[in-house]
N, C-alpha and C. Protein backbone atom coordinates (compact mmCIF):
# COMPACT_ATOMS: atom_id res chain seq x y z
N MET A 1 69.29 21.96 -130.65
CA MET A 1 69.40 22.93 -129.68
C MET A 1 67.91 23.56 -129.36
N SER A 2 67.53 23.69 -128.38
CA SER A 2 66.41 24.43 -128.13
C SER A 2 66.57 25.31 -127.33
N GLY A 3 67.96 26.24 -127.23
CA GLY A 3 68.31 27.00 -126.51
C GLY A 3 67.59 28.41 -127.17
N LYS A 4 67.96 29.44 -126.39
CA LYS A 4 66.78 30.84 -127.20
C LYS A 4 67.68 31.49 -128.29
N ARG A 5 69.12 31.11 -128.20
CA ARG A 5 69.77 31.68 -129.68
C ARG A 5 69.59 31.06 -130.56
N SER A 6 68.71 31.68 -131.06
CA SER A 6 68.16 30.54 -132.66
C SER A 6 68.25 31.58 -133.80
N GLY A 7 68.93 32.67 -133.91
CA GLY A 7 68.50 33.68 -134.80
C GLY A 7 67.31 34.39 -135.52
N PRO A 8 67.09 35.07 -135.92
CA PRO A 8 68.16 35.19 -137.36
C PRO A 8 68.92 35.89 -137.00
N TYR A 9 69.79 35.80 -138.17
CA TYR A 9 71.56 36.32 -137.73
C TYR A 9 71.72 37.11 -139.18
N PHE A 10 72.64 38.56 -138.87
CA PHE A 10 73.33 38.85 -140.16
C PHE A 10 74.14 38.06 -140.37
N CYS A 11 75.37 37.45 -140.17
CA CYS A 11 76.09 36.40 -140.58
C CYS A 11 76.59 35.71 -139.14
N GLY A 12 77.87 34.77 -139.90
CA GLY A 12 78.43 33.93 -138.96
C GLY A 12 78.66 34.38 -137.64
N ILE A 13 79.43 35.55 -137.69
CA ILE A 13 80.01 36.83 -136.44
C ILE A 13 78.71 36.94 -135.64
N ASP A 14 77.59 37.08 -135.73
CA ASP A 14 76.69 37.44 -135.24
C ASP A 14 76.21 36.49 -134.69
N ALA A 15 76.16 35.13 -135.34
CA ALA A 15 75.63 33.94 -134.35
C ALA A 15 76.45 33.51 -133.37
N ALA A 16 77.94 33.37 -133.71
CA ALA A 16 79.14 33.33 -132.67
C ALA A 16 78.88 34.17 -131.21
N MET A 17 78.95 35.26 -132.13
CA MET A 17 78.68 36.31 -130.59
C MET A 17 77.53 36.13 -129.80
N ASP A 18 76.43 35.46 -130.40
CA ASP A 18 75.47 35.32 -129.49
C ASP A 18 75.41 33.78 -128.94
N VAL A 19 76.44 33.56 -128.96
CA VAL A 19 76.77 32.35 -128.07
C VAL A 19 77.75 32.89 -127.20
N VAL A 20 78.92 33.05 -127.22
CA VAL A 20 79.66 33.87 -126.26
C VAL A 20 79.83 34.88 -125.92
N GLY A 21 78.46 35.68 -126.28
CA GLY A 21 78.73 37.01 -126.00
C GLY A 21 78.83 37.32 -124.35
N GLY A 22 79.24 38.66 -123.78
CA GLY A 22 79.26 38.86 -122.41
C GLY A 22 80.62 38.36 -122.05
N LYS A 23 81.35 38.61 -120.75
CA LYS A 23 82.62 38.19 -120.17
C LYS A 23 82.84 37.53 -119.75
N TRP A 24 81.91 36.52 -119.29
CA TRP A 24 82.15 35.52 -118.43
C TRP A 24 82.05 34.01 -119.50
N LYS A 25 81.16 33.78 -120.52
CA LYS A 25 81.36 32.69 -121.16
C LYS A 25 82.45 32.56 -121.91
N SER A 26 83.55 33.24 -122.13
CA SER A 26 84.46 33.19 -123.38
C SER A 26 85.48 32.69 -122.06
N LEU A 27 85.49 33.15 -120.83
CA LEU A 27 86.45 32.61 -119.57
C LEU A 27 86.25 31.25 -119.31
N ILE A 28 85.11 30.99 -119.02
CA ILE A 28 84.53 29.43 -118.95
C ILE A 28 85.21 28.57 -119.68
N LEU A 29 85.11 29.16 -120.91
CA LEU A 29 85.09 28.26 -122.09
C LEU A 29 86.82 27.71 -122.29
N TRP A 30 87.24 29.02 -121.77
CA TRP A 30 89.26 29.04 -121.42
C TRP A 30 89.33 28.02 -120.51
N GLU A 31 88.72 28.30 -119.16
CA GLU A 31 88.91 27.76 -117.92
C GLU A 31 88.94 25.99 -118.37
N LEU A 32 87.41 25.78 -119.13
CA LEU A 32 87.09 23.90 -119.02
C LEU A 32 88.39 23.95 -120.10
N HIS A 33 88.88 24.32 -120.98
CA HIS A 33 89.91 24.12 -122.14
C HIS A 33 91.28 23.71 -121.62
N GLU A 34 91.60 24.80 -120.81
CA GLU A 34 92.75 24.65 -119.62
C GLU A 34 93.01 23.17 -118.92
N HIS A 35 91.43 23.11 -117.65
CA HIS A 35 91.66 22.16 -116.87
C HIS A 35 90.58 20.99 -116.97
N GLY A 36 89.97 20.96 -118.10
CA GLY A 36 89.16 19.63 -118.20
C GLY A 36 87.71 19.89 -117.59
N ILE A 37 87.88 18.93 -116.89
CA ILE A 37 86.33 19.07 -116.10
C ILE A 37 86.35 19.80 -114.91
N ARG A 38 85.48 20.31 -114.53
CA ARG A 38 85.47 21.72 -113.64
C ARG A 38 84.11 21.14 -112.71
N ARG A 39 83.74 21.67 -111.26
CA ARG A 39 82.83 21.72 -110.81
C ARG A 39 82.76 23.35 -110.52
N PHE A 40 81.16 23.66 -110.06
CA PHE A 40 81.15 25.04 -110.21
C PHE A 40 81.70 25.71 -108.84
N GLY A 41 82.15 25.50 -107.80
CA GLY A 41 82.83 25.97 -107.27
C GLY A 41 84.51 26.04 -107.63
N GLU A 42 84.77 25.16 -108.14
CA GLU A 42 86.18 25.47 -109.02
C GLU A 42 86.27 26.25 -110.00
N LEU A 43 85.02 26.56 -111.10
CA LEU A 43 84.70 27.31 -111.79
C LEU A 43 84.51 28.94 -111.26
N ARG A 44 84.01 29.24 -110.05
CA ARG A 44 83.67 30.24 -109.26
C ARG A 44 85.12 30.79 -108.95
N ARG A 45 86.10 30.47 -108.02
CA ARG A 45 87.15 30.06 -107.69
C ARG A 45 87.98 30.67 -109.04
N ALA A 46 87.86 30.20 -110.01
CA ALA A 46 88.88 30.60 -111.03
C ALA A 46 88.43 31.86 -112.10
N LEU A 47 87.65 32.59 -111.78
CA LEU A 47 86.61 33.81 -112.53
C LEU A 47 86.64 34.57 -111.20
N PRO A 48 87.57 35.60 -110.41
CA PRO A 48 86.89 36.38 -109.50
C PRO A 48 85.88 37.22 -109.94
N GLY A 49 85.11 37.47 -109.22
CA GLY A 49 83.98 38.56 -109.91
C GLY A 49 82.67 38.00 -110.33
N VAL A 50 82.59 36.90 -111.06
CA VAL A 50 81.61 36.34 -111.39
C VAL A 50 80.87 36.20 -110.12
N SER A 51 79.59 36.53 -110.09
CA SER A 51 78.48 35.94 -109.10
C SER A 51 77.86 34.71 -109.11
N GLU A 52 77.63 33.94 -108.21
CA GLU A 52 77.14 32.72 -108.28
C GLU A 52 75.81 32.48 -109.39
N LYS A 53 74.99 33.76 -109.22
CA LYS A 53 73.82 33.68 -110.23
C LYS A 53 74.32 33.69 -111.58
N MET A 54 74.94 34.82 -111.66
CA MET A 54 75.62 34.70 -113.19
C MET A 54 76.32 33.73 -113.71
N LEU A 55 77.30 32.82 -113.04
CA LEU A 55 77.70 32.09 -113.56
C LEU A 55 76.65 30.98 -113.44
N GLY A 56 75.74 30.41 -113.03
CA GLY A 56 74.77 29.58 -113.23
C GLY A 56 74.12 29.58 -114.28
N GLN A 57 73.61 30.93 -114.70
CA GLN A 57 72.63 31.15 -116.01
C GLN A 57 73.82 30.60 -117.48
N GLN A 58 75.26 31.69 -117.03
CA GLN A 58 76.23 31.58 -118.13
C GLN A 58 76.26 29.80 -118.66
N LEU A 59 76.45 29.03 -117.43
CA LEU A 59 76.85 27.71 -117.54
C LEU A 59 75.26 27.03 -118.16
N ARG A 60 74.22 27.42 -117.79
CA ARG A 60 72.87 27.08 -118.51
C ARG A 60 72.76 27.16 -119.86
N GLU A 61 73.07 28.22 -120.19
CA GLU A 61 72.65 29.08 -121.35
C GLU A 61 74.19 28.05 -122.57
N LEU A 62 75.44 28.02 -122.00
CA LEU A 62 76.51 27.42 -122.51
C LEU A 62 76.11 25.95 -122.88
N ALA A 63 75.38 25.29 -122.02
CA ALA A 63 74.95 23.37 -121.96
C ALA A 63 73.39 24.20 -123.02
N GLU A 64 72.61 24.63 -122.99
CA GLU A 64 71.27 24.82 -123.90
C GLU A 64 72.21 25.12 -125.22
N ASP A 65 73.44 25.76 -125.46
CA ASP A 65 73.76 25.67 -126.82
C ASP A 65 74.75 24.60 -127.23
N GLY A 66 74.54 23.55 -126.52
CA GLY A 66 75.15 22.40 -126.59
C GLY A 66 76.98 22.79 -126.83
N ILE A 67 77.41 23.99 -125.87
CA ILE A 67 78.76 24.31 -126.12
C ILE A 67 79.38 23.40 -124.64
N ILE A 68 79.10 23.19 -123.39
CA ILE A 68 79.44 22.71 -122.39
C ILE A 68 78.60 21.10 -122.07
N HIS A 69 79.26 20.04 -121.58
CA HIS A 69 78.45 18.94 -120.75
C HIS A 69 77.99 18.90 -119.56
N ARG A 70 76.70 19.16 -118.96
CA ARG A 70 76.38 18.97 -117.77
C ARG A 70 76.03 17.73 -117.20
N GLU A 71 77.33 17.24 -116.42
CA GLU A 71 77.06 15.94 -115.95
C GLU A 71 76.82 15.89 -114.82
N ILE A 72 75.25 15.30 -114.12
CA ILE A 72 74.74 15.32 -112.47
C ILE A 72 75.15 14.07 -112.00
N TYR A 73 75.69 13.91 -111.03
CA TYR A 73 76.09 12.46 -110.34
C TYR A 73 74.85 12.42 -109.30
N PRO A 74 74.11 11.13 -108.84
CA PRO A 74 73.05 10.97 -107.90
C PRO A 74 73.56 10.75 -106.82
N GLU A 75 74.74 11.60 -106.27
CA GLU A 75 74.84 11.69 -104.92
C GLU A 75 74.37 12.80 -104.17
N ILE A 76 74.71 12.32 -102.54
CA ILE A 76 74.00 12.96 -101.48
C ILE A 76 75.41 13.88 -101.00
N PRO A 77 75.68 15.25 -101.01
CA PRO A 77 75.08 15.96 -102.06
C PRO A 77 75.50 15.96 -103.40
N PRO A 78 74.43 16.34 -104.19
CA PRO A 78 74.76 16.20 -105.78
C PRO A 78 76.19 16.53 -106.06
N ARG A 79 76.74 16.09 -107.17
CA ARG A 79 77.94 16.55 -107.50
C ARG A 79 77.57 16.73 -109.26
N VAL A 80 78.15 17.89 -109.65
CA VAL A 80 77.43 18.30 -110.90
C VAL A 80 78.96 18.72 -111.64
N ASP A 81 79.70 17.91 -112.69
CA ASP A 81 80.81 18.38 -113.58
C ASP A 81 80.42 18.87 -114.59
N TYR A 82 81.30 20.16 -115.32
CA TYR A 82 81.19 20.61 -116.44
C TYR A 82 82.19 20.21 -117.31
N SER A 83 82.28 20.07 -118.37
CA SER A 83 83.23 20.03 -119.71
C SER A 83 82.60 20.57 -120.93
N LEU A 84 83.74 20.35 -121.81
CA LEU A 84 83.67 21.32 -122.88
C LEU A 84 83.43 19.84 -123.62
N THR A 85 81.89 20.37 -124.84
CA THR A 85 81.83 19.70 -126.24
C THR A 85 82.88 19.39 -126.65
N GLU A 86 82.72 18.67 -128.22
CA GLU A 86 83.30 18.53 -129.26
C GLU A 86 83.02 20.29 -129.54
N GLU A 87 81.68 20.38 -129.99
CA GLU A 87 81.65 21.65 -130.29
C GLU A 87 82.07 23.22 -129.46
N GLY A 88 82.08 22.80 -127.88
CA GLY A 88 82.97 23.81 -127.05
C GLY A 88 84.53 23.88 -127.83
N ALA A 89 84.61 22.39 -128.16
CA ALA A 89 86.46 22.52 -128.33
C ALA A 89 86.60 22.92 -129.50
N ALA A 90 85.99 23.29 -130.66
CA ALA A 90 85.82 23.96 -132.09
C ALA A 90 85.27 25.36 -131.65
N LEU A 91 84.56 26.08 -130.78
CA LEU A 91 84.16 26.89 -130.62
C LEU A 91 85.67 27.59 -130.00
N ASN A 92 86.49 27.04 -129.19
CA ASN A 92 87.84 27.79 -128.26
C ASN A 92 88.75 27.65 -129.44
N ALA A 93 88.78 26.44 -130.51
CA ALA A 93 89.71 26.78 -131.63
C ALA A 93 89.59 27.90 -132.22
N ALA A 94 88.11 28.67 -132.62
CA ALA A 94 87.63 29.54 -133.22
C ALA A 94 88.26 30.70 -132.45
N LEU A 95 88.02 30.88 -131.19
CA LEU A 95 88.58 31.94 -130.44
C LEU A 95 90.09 31.81 -130.59
N ALA A 96 90.64 31.35 -130.59
CA ALA A 96 92.00 31.17 -130.46
C ALA A 96 92.97 32.42 -131.20
N PRO A 97 92.82 32.68 -132.10
CA PRO A 97 93.11 33.81 -132.52
C PRO A 97 92.44 35.36 -131.93
N LEU A 98 91.12 35.27 -131.43
CA LEU A 98 90.74 36.73 -131.01
C LEU A 98 91.47 36.39 -129.94
N GLY A 99 92.15 35.69 -128.75
CA GLY A 99 92.68 35.78 -127.72
C GLY A 99 94.21 36.25 -127.64
N ALA A 100 94.79 35.35 -129.47
CA ALA A 100 95.90 36.28 -129.26
C ALA A 100 95.95 37.52 -129.65
N TRP A 101 95.23 37.98 -130.43
CA TRP A 101 94.99 39.73 -131.04
C TRP A 101 94.89 40.49 -129.31
N GLY A 102 93.86 39.70 -128.57
CA GLY A 102 93.70 40.26 -127.39
C GLY A 102 95.15 40.73 -126.84
N SER A 103 96.28 39.09 -126.51
CA SER A 103 97.20 39.61 -125.85
C SER A 103 97.82 40.51 -126.51
N ARG A 104 98.24 40.91 -127.76
CA ARG A 104 99.12 41.55 -128.40
C ARG A 104 98.36 43.22 -127.79
N ARG A 105 97.16 43.48 -127.57
CA ARG A 105 96.58 44.26 -127.28
C ARG A 105 96.70 44.99 -126.30
N ILE A 106 97.08 43.87 -124.63
CA ILE A 106 97.26 44.50 -123.41
C ILE A 106 98.47 44.75 -123.62
N GLY A 107 99.60 43.89 -124.42
CA GLY A 107 100.52 44.68 -124.55
C GLY A 107 100.86 46.08 -125.10
N ARG A 108 100.38 46.26 -126.08
CA ARG A 108 100.11 47.61 -126.74
C ARG A 108 99.92 49.16 -125.95
N ILE A 109 98.92 48.63 -125.37
CA ILE A 109 98.15 49.94 -124.33
C ILE A 109 98.53 49.80 -123.16
N GLY A 110 99.44 48.56 -122.21
CA GLY A 110 100.27 48.65 -121.57
C GLY A 110 98.86 48.18 -120.27
N ALA A 111 98.05 47.05 -120.59
CA ALA A 111 97.06 47.07 -119.54
C ALA A 111 97.48 46.12 -118.57
N ALA A 112 96.93 46.19 -117.63
CA ALA A 112 96.95 45.18 -116.69
C ALA A 112 96.27 44.04 -116.64
N ARG A 113 97.02 43.26 -116.30
CA ARG A 113 96.11 41.67 -116.32
C ARG A 113 95.83 41.32 -114.94
N VAL A 114 94.73 40.50 -114.91
CA VAL A 114 94.46 39.75 -113.59
C VAL A 114 94.91 38.46 -113.46
N HIS A 115 95.36 38.45 -112.09
CA HIS A 115 95.89 37.20 -112.00
C HIS A 115 95.35 36.26 -110.48
N THR A 116 95.33 35.34 -110.70
CA THR A 116 94.54 34.08 -109.97
C THR A 116 95.76 33.38 -109.53
N THR A 117 95.65 32.52 -108.77
CA THR A 117 96.72 31.07 -108.72
C THR A 117 96.05 29.88 -109.34
N ASP A 118 94.90 30.17 -109.94
CA ASP A 118 94.35 29.09 -110.45
C ASP A 118 94.06 29.04 -112.01
N ARG A 119 94.75 29.80 -112.77
CA ARG A 119 94.63 30.09 -114.29
C ARG A 119 95.89 30.71 -114.32
N HIS A 120 96.36 30.29 -115.88
CA HIS A 120 97.65 30.97 -116.35
C HIS A 120 97.46 32.74 -116.50
N GLU A 121 98.38 33.22 -116.64
CA GLU A 121 98.32 34.24 -117.23
C GLU A 121 97.41 35.13 -118.20
N ASP A 122 97.52 34.12 -119.72
CA ASP A 122 96.64 34.75 -120.62
C ASP A 122 96.39 33.77 -121.46
N HIS A 123 95.59 33.87 -122.51
CA HIS A 123 94.73 32.92 -123.21
C HIS A 123 95.45 32.20 -124.43
N GLN A 124 96.60 32.87 -124.62
CA GLN A 124 97.51 32.17 -125.61
C GLN A 124 97.88 30.90 -125.76
N ALA A 125 97.76 30.09 -124.52
CA ALA A 125 97.66 28.41 -124.63
C ALA A 125 96.89 28.11 -125.74
N LEU A 126 95.52 28.41 -126.11
CA LEU A 126 94.67 28.60 -126.67
C LEU A 126 94.85 28.52 -128.65
N ALA A 127 96.11 29.49 -128.37
CA ALA A 127 96.32 29.58 -129.56
C ALA A 127 97.71 28.76 -130.16
N GLU A 128 98.28 28.37 -129.17
CA GLU A 128 99.10 26.98 -129.47
C GLU A 128 98.83 25.75 -129.19
N ALA A 129 97.56 25.29 -128.58
CA ALA A 129 96.66 23.87 -128.69
C ALA A 129 96.40 23.52 -130.26
C-alpha cells in the first residue's frame, strides 16, 4: 500500500480508525457490502448528503488502502465500478459489532434514522453476515 495512512500508530484501533475515519467511509463499505459492485452515481444516490468531491476523495483513499477495488472500463464515456476487496470484506466483518452497538444506541437514545429508497434501515445485516 502506498497510501498516506501508514503510521506510526498507538494501537490497532488507531490503525483501523485511520482507514475508516470520517462519516462516509464506513457507509461506503456498508453500501458495497449490501450491493456488491456499485458505480459512482449509485453510491452518490445511496449516500444522501455526500458531495461529489468528498465521495471521490473517500473512494480514492479506500482504494489506496486496498479496501476497495476500482475497475475502469475503456468505454466512452468511461465506466468505473467499485467493489470490496478481500481486505474490505474483512474490515466490514470487523465493523459489524460496532454497527450492532450503534443500532442499540439509536434505540436507547431514540435517535432518528436516515431513510433512503436504496438501502436498508440499519447496518444490522453486517452483524448477521
